Amino acid sequence: MNRTPLLLVATLLLTACEKPMPFESAETLAENPERLEELRLQCRDNWDKLGNAQCNAVTEAQRKRFMGKGTPYTPRPVKIFHSGTEEGR
């Protein structure tokens, strides 16, 4: 009976000591295309090993590099009819 709590504590300590994998943000990866390509291939081969957060950051970095900052929507007025002029009548 005394071994069960000791075993539980030992297991918790070992899992707490495990270092998490370093996480690279999408901004950092977008600036470093070599590392982005390396992680992209790793995500393609084994998504579960790298984890959802890292592979999602990789896909976001790819989107940023492909699309850029994007073009802001700036609507221009459209003149369908030339109202008020002699040419439009």
PDB file of N, CA and C in Angstrom:
ATOM      1  N   MET A   1       0.803  -1.205   0.000  1.00  0.00           N
ATOM      2  CA  MET A   1       0.000   0.000   0.000  1.00  0.00           C
ATOM      3  C   MET A   1       0.845   1.268   0.000  1.00  0.00           C
ATOM      4  N   ASN A   2       1.960   1.209   0.658  1.00  0.00           N
ATOM      5  CA  ASN A   2       2.803   2.392   0.743  1.00  0.00           C
ATOM      6  C   ASN A   2       3.523   2.677  -0.569  1.00  0.00           C
ATOM      7  N   ARG A   3       3.603   1.712  -1.448  1.00  0.00           N
ATOM      8  CA  ARG A   3       4.323   1.896  -2.702  1.00  0.00           C
ATOM      9  C   ARG A   3       3.518   2.707  -3.726  1.00  0.00           C
ATOM     10  N   THR A   4       2.219   2.615  -3.683  1.00  0.00           N
ATOM     11  CA  THR A   4       1.381   3.299  -4.666  1.00  0.00           C
ATOM     12  C   THR A   4       1.542   4.817  -4.607  1.00  0.00           C
ATOM     13  N   PRO A   5       1.436   5.462  -3.437  1.00  0.00           N
ATOM     14  CA  PRO A   5       1.643   6.915  -3.422  1.00  0.00           C
ATOM     15  C   PRO A   5       3.064   7.306  -3.809  1.00  0.00           C
ATOM     16  N   LEU A   6       4.045   6.506  -3.413  1.00  0.00           N
ATOM     17  CA  LEU A   6       5.429   6.806  -3.760  1.00  0.00           C
ATOM     18  C   LEU A   6       5.650   6.696  -5.266  1.00  0.00           C
ATOM     19  N   LEU A   7       5.061   5.675  -5.873  1.00  0.00           N
ATOM     20  CA  LEU A   7       5.158   5.507  -7.310  1.00  0.00           C
ATOM     21  C   LEU A   7       4.459   6.647  -8.053  1.00  0.00           C
ATOM     22  N   LEU A   8       3.328   7.081  -7.542  1.00  0.00           N
ATOM     23  CA  LEU A   8       2.590   8.189  -8.146  1.00  0.00           C
ATOM     24  C   LEU A   8       3.403   9.479  -8.079  1.00  0.00           C
ATOM     25  N   VAL A   9       4.009   9.743  -6.948  1.00  0.00           N
ATOM     26  CA  VAL A   9       4.831  10.956  -6.784  1.00  0.00           C
ATOM     27  C   VAL A   9       6.041  10.893  -7.706  1.00  0.00           C
ATOM     28  N   ALA A  10       6.675   9.741  -7.804  1.00  0.00           N
ATOM     29  CA  ALA A  10       7.843   9.600  -8.678  1.00  0.00           C
ATOM     30  C   ALA A  10       7.455   9.831 -10.138  1.00  0.00           C
ATOM     31  N   THR A  11       6.316   9.316 -10.551  1.00  0.00           N
ATOM     32  CA  THR A  11       5.845   9.512 -11.925  1.00  0.00           C
ATOM     33  C   THR A  11       5.554  10.981 -12.199  1.00  0.00           C
ATOM     34  N   LEU A  12       4.927  11.652 -11.248  1.00  0.00           N
ATOM     35  CA  LEU A  12       4.627  13.077 -11.432  1.00  0.00           C
ATOM     36  C   LEU A  12       5.891  13.913 -11.514  1.00  0.00           C
ATOM     37  N   LEU A  13       6.875  13.575 -10.711  1.00  0.00           N
ATOM     38  CA  LEU A  13       8.135  14.316 -10.749  1.00  0.00           C
ATOM     39  C   LEU A  13       8.860  14.119 -12.080  1.00  0.00           C
ATOM     40  N   LEU A  14       8.840  12.917 -12.582  1.00  0.00           N
ATOM     41  CA  LEU A  14       9.508  12.660 -13.860  1.00  0.00           C
ATOM     42  C   LEU A  14       8.824  13.380 -15.019  1.00  0.00           C
ATOM     43  N   THR A  15       7.518  13.404 -15.014  1.00  0.00           N
ATOM     44  CA  THR A  15       6.820  14.108 -16.094  1.00  0.00           C
ATOM     45  C   THR A  15       6.964  15.613 -15.963  1.00  0.00           C
ATOM     46  N   ALA A  16       7.091  16.117 -14.740  1.00  0.00           N
ATOM     47  CA  ALA A  16       7.266  17.554 -14.540  1.00  0.00           C
ATOM     48  C   ALA A  16       8.650  18.009 -14.973  1.00  0.00           C
ATOM     49  N   CYS A  17       9.623  17.120 -14.912  1.00  0.00           N
ATOM     50  CA  CYS A  17      10.988  17.473 -15.282  1.00  0.00           C
ATOM     51  C   CYS A  17      11.223  17.450 -16.783  1.00  0.00           C
ATOM     52  N   GLU A  18      10.312  16.858 -17.514  1.00  0.00           N
ATOM     53  CA  GLU A  18      10.463  16.769 -18.955  1.00  0.00           C
ATOM     54  C   GLU A  18      10.366  18.158 -19.571  1.00  0.00           C
ATOM     55  N   LYS A  19      11.347  18.508 -20.384  1.00  0.00           N
ATOM     56  CA  LYS A  19      11.375  19.840 -21.000  1.00  0.00           C
ATOM     57  C   LYS A  19      10.418  19.872 -22.185  1.00  0.00           C
ATOM     58  N   PRO A  20       9.620  20.934 -22.298  1.00  0.00           N
ATOM     59  CA  PRO A  20       8.754  21.050 -23.471  1.00  0.00           C
ATOM     60  C   PRO A  20       9.583  21.406 -24.699  1.00  0.00           C
ATOM     61  N   MET A  21       9.058  21.048 -25.859  1.00  0.00           N
ATOM     62  CA  MET A  21       9.752  21.384 -27.094  1.00  0.00           C
ATOM     63  C   MET A  21       9.708  22.893 -27.301  1.00  0.00           C
ATOM     64  N   PRO A  22      10.789  23.483 -27.788  1.00  0.00           N
ATOM     65  CA  PRO A  22      10.766  24.930 -28.036  1.00  0.00           C
ATOM     66  C   PRO A  22       9.758  25.264 -29.129  1.00  0.00           C
ATOM     67  N   PHE A  23       9.061  26.348 -28.931  1.00  0.00           N
ATOM     68  CA  PHE A  23       8.025  26.781 -29.870  1.00  0.00           C
ATOM     69  C   PHE A  23       8.547  27.978 -30.641  1.00  0.00           C
ATOM     70  N   GLU A  24       8.452  27.910 -31.950  1.00  0.00           N
ATOM     71  CA  GLU A  24       8.877  29.017 -32.799  1.00  0.00           C
ATOM     72  C   GLU A  24       7.643  29.682 -33.383  1.00  0.00           C
ATOM     73  N   SER A  25       7.562  30.980 -33.234  1.00  0.00           N
ATOM     74  CA  SER A  25       6.375  31.710 -33.687  1.00  0.00           C
ATOM     75  C   SER A  25       6.358  31.831 -35.208  1.00  0.00           C
ATOM     76  N   ALA A  26       5.188  32.167 -35.731  1.00  0.00           N
ATOM     77  CA  ALA A  26       5.017  32.320 -37.171  1.00  0.00           C
ATOM     78  C   ALA A  26       5.861  33.479 -37.698  1.00  0.00           C
ATOM     79  N   GLU A  27       5.981  34.546 -36.921  1.00  0.00           N
ATOM     80  CA  GLU A  27       6.772  35.698 -37.350  1.00  0.00           C
ATOM     81  C   GLU A  27       8.241  35.327 -37.484  1.00  0.00           C
ATOM     82  N   THR A  28       8.756  34.565 -36.505  1.00  0.00           N
ATOM     83  CA  THR A  28      10.150  34.140 -36.542  1.00  0.00           C
ATOM     84  C   THR A  28      10.397  33.220 -37.736  1.00  0.00           C
ATOM     85  N   LEU A  29       9.483  32.303 -37.959  1.00  0.00           N
ATOM     86  CA  LEU A  29       9.642  31.362 -39.072  1.00  0.00           C
ATOM     87  C   LEU A  29       9.524  32.061 -40.422  1.00  0.00           C
ATOM     88  N   ALA A  30       8.665  33.065 -40.520  1.00  0.00           N
ATOM     89  CA  ALA A  30       8.510  33.783 -41.785  1.00  0.00           C
ATOM     90  C   ALA A  30       9.789  34.516 -42.165  1.00  0.00           C
ATOM     91  N   GLU A  31      10.578  34.905 -41.168  1.00  0.00           N
ATOM     92  CA  GLU A  31      11.840  35.600 -41.431  1.00  0.00           C
ATOM     93  C   GLU A  31      12.986  34.642 -41.732  1.00  0.00           C
ATOM     94  N   ASN A  32      12.805  33.358 -41.425  1.00  0.00           N
ATOM     95  CA  ASN A  32      13.870  32.377 -41.616  1.00  0.00           C
ATOM     96  C   ASN A  32      13.363  31.255 -42.534  1.00  0.00           C
ATOM     97  N   PRO A  33      13.492  31.408 -43.851  1.00  0.00           N
ATOM     98  CA  PRO A  33      12.912  30.428 -44.776  1.00  0.00           C
ATOM     99  C   PRO A  33      13.541  29.035 -44.682  1.00  0.00           C
ATOM    100  N   GLU A  34      14.832  28.949 -44.318  1.00  0.00           N
ATOM    101  CA  GLU A  34      15.461  27.629 -44.207  1.00  0.00           C
ATOM    102  C   GLU A  34      14.845  26.828 -43.067  1.00  0.00           C
ATOM    103  N   ARG A  35      14.675  27.478 -41.918  1.00  0.00           N
ATOM    104  CA  ARG A  35      14.063  26.796 -40.767  1.00  0.00           C
ATOM    105  C   ARG A  35      12.592  26.485 -41.051  1.00  0.00           C
ATOM    106  N   LEU A  36      11.915  27.372 -41.747  1.00  0.00           N
ATOM    107  CA  LEU A  36      10.510  27.151 -42.099  1.00  0.00           C
ATOM    108  C   LEU A  36      10.371  25.909 -42.974  1.00  0.00           C
ATOM    109  N   GLU A  37      11.233  25.761 -43.954  1.00  0.00           N
ATOM    110  CA  GLU A  37      11.179  24.592 -44.833  1.00  0.00           C
ATOM    111  C   GLU A  37      11.478  23.311 -44.055  1.00  0.00           C
ATOM    112  N   GLU A  38      12.441  23.382 -43.153  1.00  0.00           N
ATOM    113  CA  GLU A  38      12.785  22.215 -42.335  1.00  0.00           C
ATOM    114  C   GLU A  38      11.592  21.777 -41.480  1.00  0.00           C
ATOM    115  N   LEU A  39      10.958  22.732 -40.821  1.00  0.00           N
ATOM    116  CA  LEU A  39       9.804  22.400 -39.984  1.00  0.00           C
ATOM    117  C   LEU A  39       8.597  21.988 -40.827  1.00  0.00           C
ATOM    118  N   ARG A  40       8.447  22.559 -42.008  1.00  0.00           N
ATOM    119  CA  ARG A  40       7.342  22.180 -42.875  1.00  0.00           C
ATOM    120  C   ARG A  40       7.429  20.706 -43.248  1.00  0.00           C
ATOM    121  N   LEU A  41       8.639  20.265 -43.573  1.00  0.00           N
ATOM    122  CA  LEU A  41       8.829  18.853 -43.910  1.00  0.00           C
ATOM    123  C   LEU A  41       8.594  17.955 -42.703  1.00  0.00           C
ATOM    124  N   GLN A  42       9.022  18.398 -41.531  1.00  0.00           N
ATOM    125  CA  GLN A  42       8.789  17.610 -40.318  1.00  0.00           C
ATOM    126  C   GLN A  42       7.299  17.522 -40.000  1.00  0.00           C
ATOM    127  N   CYS A  43       6.576  18.608 -40.190  1.00  0.00           N
ATOM    128  CA  CYS A  43       5.125  18.586 -39.953  1.00  0.00           C
ATOM    129  C   CYS A  43       4.435  17.669 -40.955  1.00  0.00           C
ATOM    130  N   ARG A  44       4.903  17.688 -42.191  1.00  0.00           N
ATOM    131  CA  ARG A  44       4.310  16.822 -43.204  1.00  0.00           C
ATOM    132  C   ARG A  44       4.509  15.354 -42.848  1.00  0.00           C
ATOM    133  N   ASP A  45       5.703  15.021 -42.362  1.00  0.00           N
ATOM    134  CA  ASP A  45       6.007  13.625 -42.053  1.00  0.00           C
ATOM    135  C   ASP A  45       5.407  13.154 -40.736  1.00  0.00           C
ATOM    136  N   ASN A  46       5.427  14.018 -39.719  1.00  0.00           N
ATOM    137  CA  ASN A  46       4.954  13.585 -38.406  1.00  0.00           C
ATOM    138  C   ASN A  46       4.371  14.767 -37.639  1.00  0.00           C
ATOM    139  N   TRP A  47       3.130  15.088 -37.928  1.00  0.00           N
ATOM    140  CA  TRP A  47       2.441  16.217 -37.309  1.00  0.00           C
ATOM    141  C   TRP A  47       2.328  16.035 -35.798  1.00  0.00           C
ATOM    142  N   ASP A  48       2.030  14.803 -35.362  1.00  0.00           N
ATOM    143  CA  ASP A  48       1.826  14.539 -33.935  1.00  0.00           C
ATOM    144  C   ASP A  48       3.090  14.763 -33.119  1.00  0.00           C
ATOM    145  N   LYS A  49       4.248  14.496 -33.683  1.00  0.00           N
ATOM    146  CA  LYS A  49       5.504  14.670 -32.947  1.00  0.00           C
ATOM    147  C   LYS A  49       5.767  16.144 -32.638  1.00  0.00           C
ATOM    148  N   LEU A  50       5.541  17.008 -33.612  1.00  0.00           N
ATOM    149  CA  LEU A  50       5.784  18.437 -33.396  1.00  0.00           C
ATOM    150  C   LEU A  50       4.642  19.106 -32.645  1.00  0.00           C
ATOM    151  N   GLY A  51       3.437  18.622 -32.829  1.00  0.00           N
ATOM    152  CA  GLY A  51       2.290  19.190 -32.130  1.00  0.00           C
ATOM    153  C   GLY A  51       1.518  20.176 -32.984  1.00  0.00           C
ATOM    154  N   ASN A  52       0.270  20.374 -32.594  1.00  0.00           N
ATOM    155  CA  ASN A  52      -0.611  21.262 -33.344  1.00  0.00           C
ATOM    156  C   ASN A  52      -0.134  22.706 -33.323  1.00  0.00           C
ATOM    157  N   ALA A  53       0.320  23.188 -32.164  1.00  0.00           N
ATOM    158  CA  ALA A  53       0.707  24.602 -32.058  1.00  0.00           C
ATOM    159  C   ALA A  53       1.853  24.933 -33.000  1.00  0.00           C
ATOM    160  N   GLN A  54       2.888  24.088 -33.025  1.00  0.00           N
ATOM    161  CA  GLN A  54       4.045  24.375 -33.873  1.00  0.00           C
ATOM    162  C   GLN A  54       3.703  24.238 -35.351  1.00  0.00           C
ATOM    163  N   CYS A  55       2.973  23.200 -35.719  1.00  0.00           N
ATOM    164  CA  CYS A  55       2.631  23.013 -37.131  1.00  0.00           C
ATOM    165  C   CYS A  55       1.654  24.074 -37.620  1.00  0.00           C
ATOM    166  N   ASN A  56       0.774  24.540 -36.749  1.00  0.00           N
ATOM    167  CA  ASN A  56      -0.107  25.647 -37.127  1.00  0.00           C
ATOM    168  C   ASN A  56       0.693  26.924 -37.329  1.00  0.00           C
ATOM    169  N   ALA A  57       1.731  27.138 -36.508  1.00  0.00           N
ATOM    170  CA  ALA A  57       2.603  28.301 -36.692  1.00  0.00           C
ATOM    171  C   ALA A  57       3.353  28.196 -38.016  1.00  0.00           C
ATOM    172  N   VAL A  58       3.734  26.986 -38.393  1.00  0.00           N
ATOM    173  CA  VAL A  58       4.422  26.774 -39.673  1.00  0.00           C
ATOM    174  C   VAL A  58       3.492  27.130 -40.830  1.00  0.00           C
ATOM    175  N   THR A  59       2.261  26.669 -40.781  1.00  0.00           N
ATOM    176  CA  THR A  59       1.331  26.984 -41.869  1.00  0.00           C
ATOM    177  C   THR A  59       1.003  28.466 -41.915  1.00  0.00           C
ATOM    178  N   GLU A  60       0.921  29.117 -40.756  1.00  0.00           N
ATOM    179  CA  GLU A  60       0.674  30.559 -40.725  1.00  0.00           C
ATOM    180  C   GLU A  60       1.869  31.320 -41.313  1.00  0.00           C
ATOM    181  N   ALA A  61       3.085  30.871 -41.017  1.00  0.00           N
ATOM    182  CA  ALA A  61       4.279  31.508 -41.574  1.00  0.00           C
ATOM    183  C   ALA A  61       4.330  31.339 -43.088  1.00  0.00           C
ATOM    184  N   GLN A  62       3.941  30.158 -43.577  1.00  0.00           N
ATOM    185  CA  GLN A  62       3.895  29.951 -45.027  1.00  0.00           C
ATOM    186  C   GLN A  62       2.878  30.886 -45.669  1.00  0.00           C
ATOM    187  N   ARG A  63       1.730  31.051 -45.032  1.00  0.00           N
ATOM    188  CA  ARG A  63       0.706  31.948 -45.563  1.00  0.00           C
ATOM    189  C   ARG A  63       1.222  33.382 -45.604  1.00  0.00           C
ATOM    190  N   LYS A  64       1.900  33.803 -44.539  1.00  0.00           N
ATOM    191  CA  LYS A  64       2.430  35.175 -44.489  1.00  0.00           C
ATOM    192  C   LYS A  64       3.477  35.400 -45.572  1.00  0.00           C
ATOM    193  N   ARG A  65       4.331  34.402 -45.794  1.00  0.00           N
ATOM    194  CA  ARG A  65       5.356  34.563 -46.828  1.00  0.00           C
ATOM    195  C   ARG A  65       4.732  34.579 -48.222  1.00  0.00           C
ATOM    196  N   PHE A  66       3.697  33.809 -48.435  1.00  0.00           N
ATOM    197  CA  PHE A  66       3.070  33.737 -49.755  1.00  0.00           C
ATOM    198  C   PHE A  66       2.206  34.958 -50.027  1.00  0.00           C
ATOM    199  N   MET A  67       1.373  35.322 -49.056  1.00  0.00           N
ATOM    200  CA  MET A  67       0.419  36.406 -49.254  1.00  0.00           C
ATOM    201  C   MET A  67       0.995  37.778 -48.928  1.00  0.00           C
ATOM    202  N   GLY A  68       2.047  37.824 -48.161  1.00  0.00           N
ATOM    203  CA  GLY A  68       2.592  39.102 -47.731  1.00  0.00           C
ATOM    204  C   GLY A  68       1.686  39.720 -46.677  1.00  0.00           C
ATOM    205  N   LYS A  69       1.719  41.011 -46.580  1.00  0.00           N
ATOM    206  CA  LYS A  69       0.855  41.688 -45.615  1.00  0.00           C
ATOM    207  C   LYS A  69      -0.554  41.866 -46.152  1.00  0.00           C
ATOM    208  N   GLY A  70      -0.718  41.562 -47.407  1.00  0.00           N
ATOM    209  CA  GLY A  70      -2.041  41.700 -47.995  1.00  0.00           C
ATOM    210  C   GLY A  70      -2.294  43.126 -48.440  1.00  0.00           C
ATOM    211  N   THR A  71      -3.294  43.302 -49.229  1.00  0.00           N
ATOM    212  CA  THR A  71      -3.675  44.620 -49.703  1.00  0.00           C
ATOM    213  C   THR A  71      -4.909  45.061 -48.942  1.00  0.00           C
ATOM    214  N   PRO A  72      -4.851  46.213 -48.316  1.00  0.00           N
ATOM    215  CA  PRO A  72      -6.045  46.674 -47.613  1.00  0.00           C
ATOM    216  C   PRO A  72      -7.157  46.984 -48.610  1.00  0.00           C
ATOM    217  N   TYR A  73      -8.352  46.766 -48.191  1.00  0.00           N
ATOM    218  CA  TYR A  73      -9.503  47.008 -49.058  1.00  0.00           C
ATOM    219  C   TYR A  73      -9.747  48.502 -49.155  1.00  0.00           C
ATOM    220  N   THR A  74      -9.583  49.030 -50.340  1.00  0.00           N
ATOM    221  CA  THR A  74      -9.827  50.455 -50.570  1.00  0.00           C
ATOM    222  C   THR A  74     -10.784  50.594 -51.742  1.00  0.00           C
ATOM    223  N   PRO A  75     -12.072  50.653 -51.451  1.00  0.00           N
ATOM    224  CA  PRO A  75     -13.036  50.744 -52.550  1.00  0.00           C
ATOM    225  C   PRO A  75     -12.934  52.092 -53.259  1.00  0.00           C
ATOM    226  N   ARG A  76     -13.120  52.050 -54.537  1.00  0.00           N
ATOM    227  CA  ARG A  76     -13.131  53.269 -55.341  1.00  0.00           C
ATOM    228  C   ARG A  76     -14.556  53.476 -55.831  1.00  0.00           C
ATOM    229  N   PRO A  77     -14.982  54.694 -55.937  1.00  0.00           N
ATOM    230  CA  PRO A  77     -16.337  54.927 -56.438  1.00  0.00           C
ATOM    231  C   PRO A  77     -16.439  54.486 -57.898  1.00  0.00           C
ATOM    232  N   VAL A  78     -17.521  53.826 -58.206  1.00  0.00           N
ATOM    233  CA  VAL A  78     -17.752  53.331 -59.563  1.00  0.00           C
ATOM    234  C   VAL A  78     -18.817  54.199 -60.206  1.00  0.00           C
ATOM    235  N   LYS A  79     -18.497  54.733 -61.370  1.00  0.00           N
ATOM    236  CA  LYS A  79     -19.465  55.540 -62.105  1.00  0.00           C
ATOM    237  C   LYS A  79     -20.046  54.670 -63.209  1.00  0.00           C
ATOM    238  N   ILE A  80     -21.276  54.275 -63.001  1.00  0.00           N
ATOM    239  CA  ILE A  80     -21.933  53.433 -63.995  1.00  0.00           C
ATOM    240  C   ILE A  80     -22.543  54.305 -65.094  1.00  0.00           C
ATOM    241  N   PHE A  81     -23.223  55.367 -64.679  1.00  0.00           N
ATOM    242  CA  PHE A  81     -23.857  56.273 -65.626  1.00  0.00           C
ATOM    243  C   PHE A  81     -23.168  57.621 -65.544  1.00  0.00           C
ATOM    244  N   HIS A  82     -23.071  58.266 -66.652  1.00  0.00           N
ATOM    245  CA  HIS A  82     -22.474  59.591 -66.685  1.00  0.00           C
ATOM    246  C   HIS A  82     -23.581  60.606 -66.420  1.00  0.00           C
ATOM    247  N   SER A  83     -24.006  60.667 -65.223  1.00  0.00           N
ATOM    248  CA  SER A  83     -25.103  61.583 -64.903  1.00  0.00           C
ATOM    249  C   SER A  83     -24.612  63.021 -64.840  1.00  0.00           C
ATOM    250  N   GLY A  84     -25.448  63.902 -65.296  1.00  0.00           N
ATOM    251  CA  GLY A  84     -25.138  65.318 -65.229  1.00  0.00           C
ATOM    252  C   GLY A  84     -24.250  65.812 -66.349  1.00  0.00           C
ATOM    253  N   THR A  85     -23.942  65.011 -67.316  1.00  0.00           N
ATOM    254  CA  THR A  85     -23.119  65.471 -68.441  1.00  0.00           C
ATOM    255  C   THR A  85     -23.868  65.213 -69.747  1.00  0.00           C
ATOM    256  N   GLU A  86     -23.475  65.906 -70.751  1.00  0.00           N
ATOM    257  CA  GLU A  86     -24.095  65.749 -72.053  1.00  0.00           C
ATOM    258  C   GLU A  86     -23.707  64.405 -72.691  1.00  0.00           C
ATOM    259  N   GLU A  87     -22.535  63.890 -72.352  1.00  0.00           N
ATOM    260  CA  GLU A  87     -22.080  62.654 -72.951  1.00  0.00           C
ATOM    261  C   GLU A  87     -22.839  61.452 -72.436  1.00  0.00           C
ATOM    262  N   GLY A  88     -23.402  61.551 -71.235  1.00  0.00           N
ATOM    263  CA  GLY A  88     -24.090  60.428 -70.640  1.00  0.00           C
ATOM    264  C   GLY A  88     -25.533  60.292 -71.061  1.00  0.00           C
ATOM    265  N   ARG A  89     -26.063  61.233 -71.838  1.00  0.00           N
ATOM    266  CA  ARG A  89     -27.481  61.183 -72.228  1.00  0.00           C
ATOM    267  C   ARG A  89     -27.701  60.536 -73.531  1.00  0.00           C
TER     268      ARG A  89
END
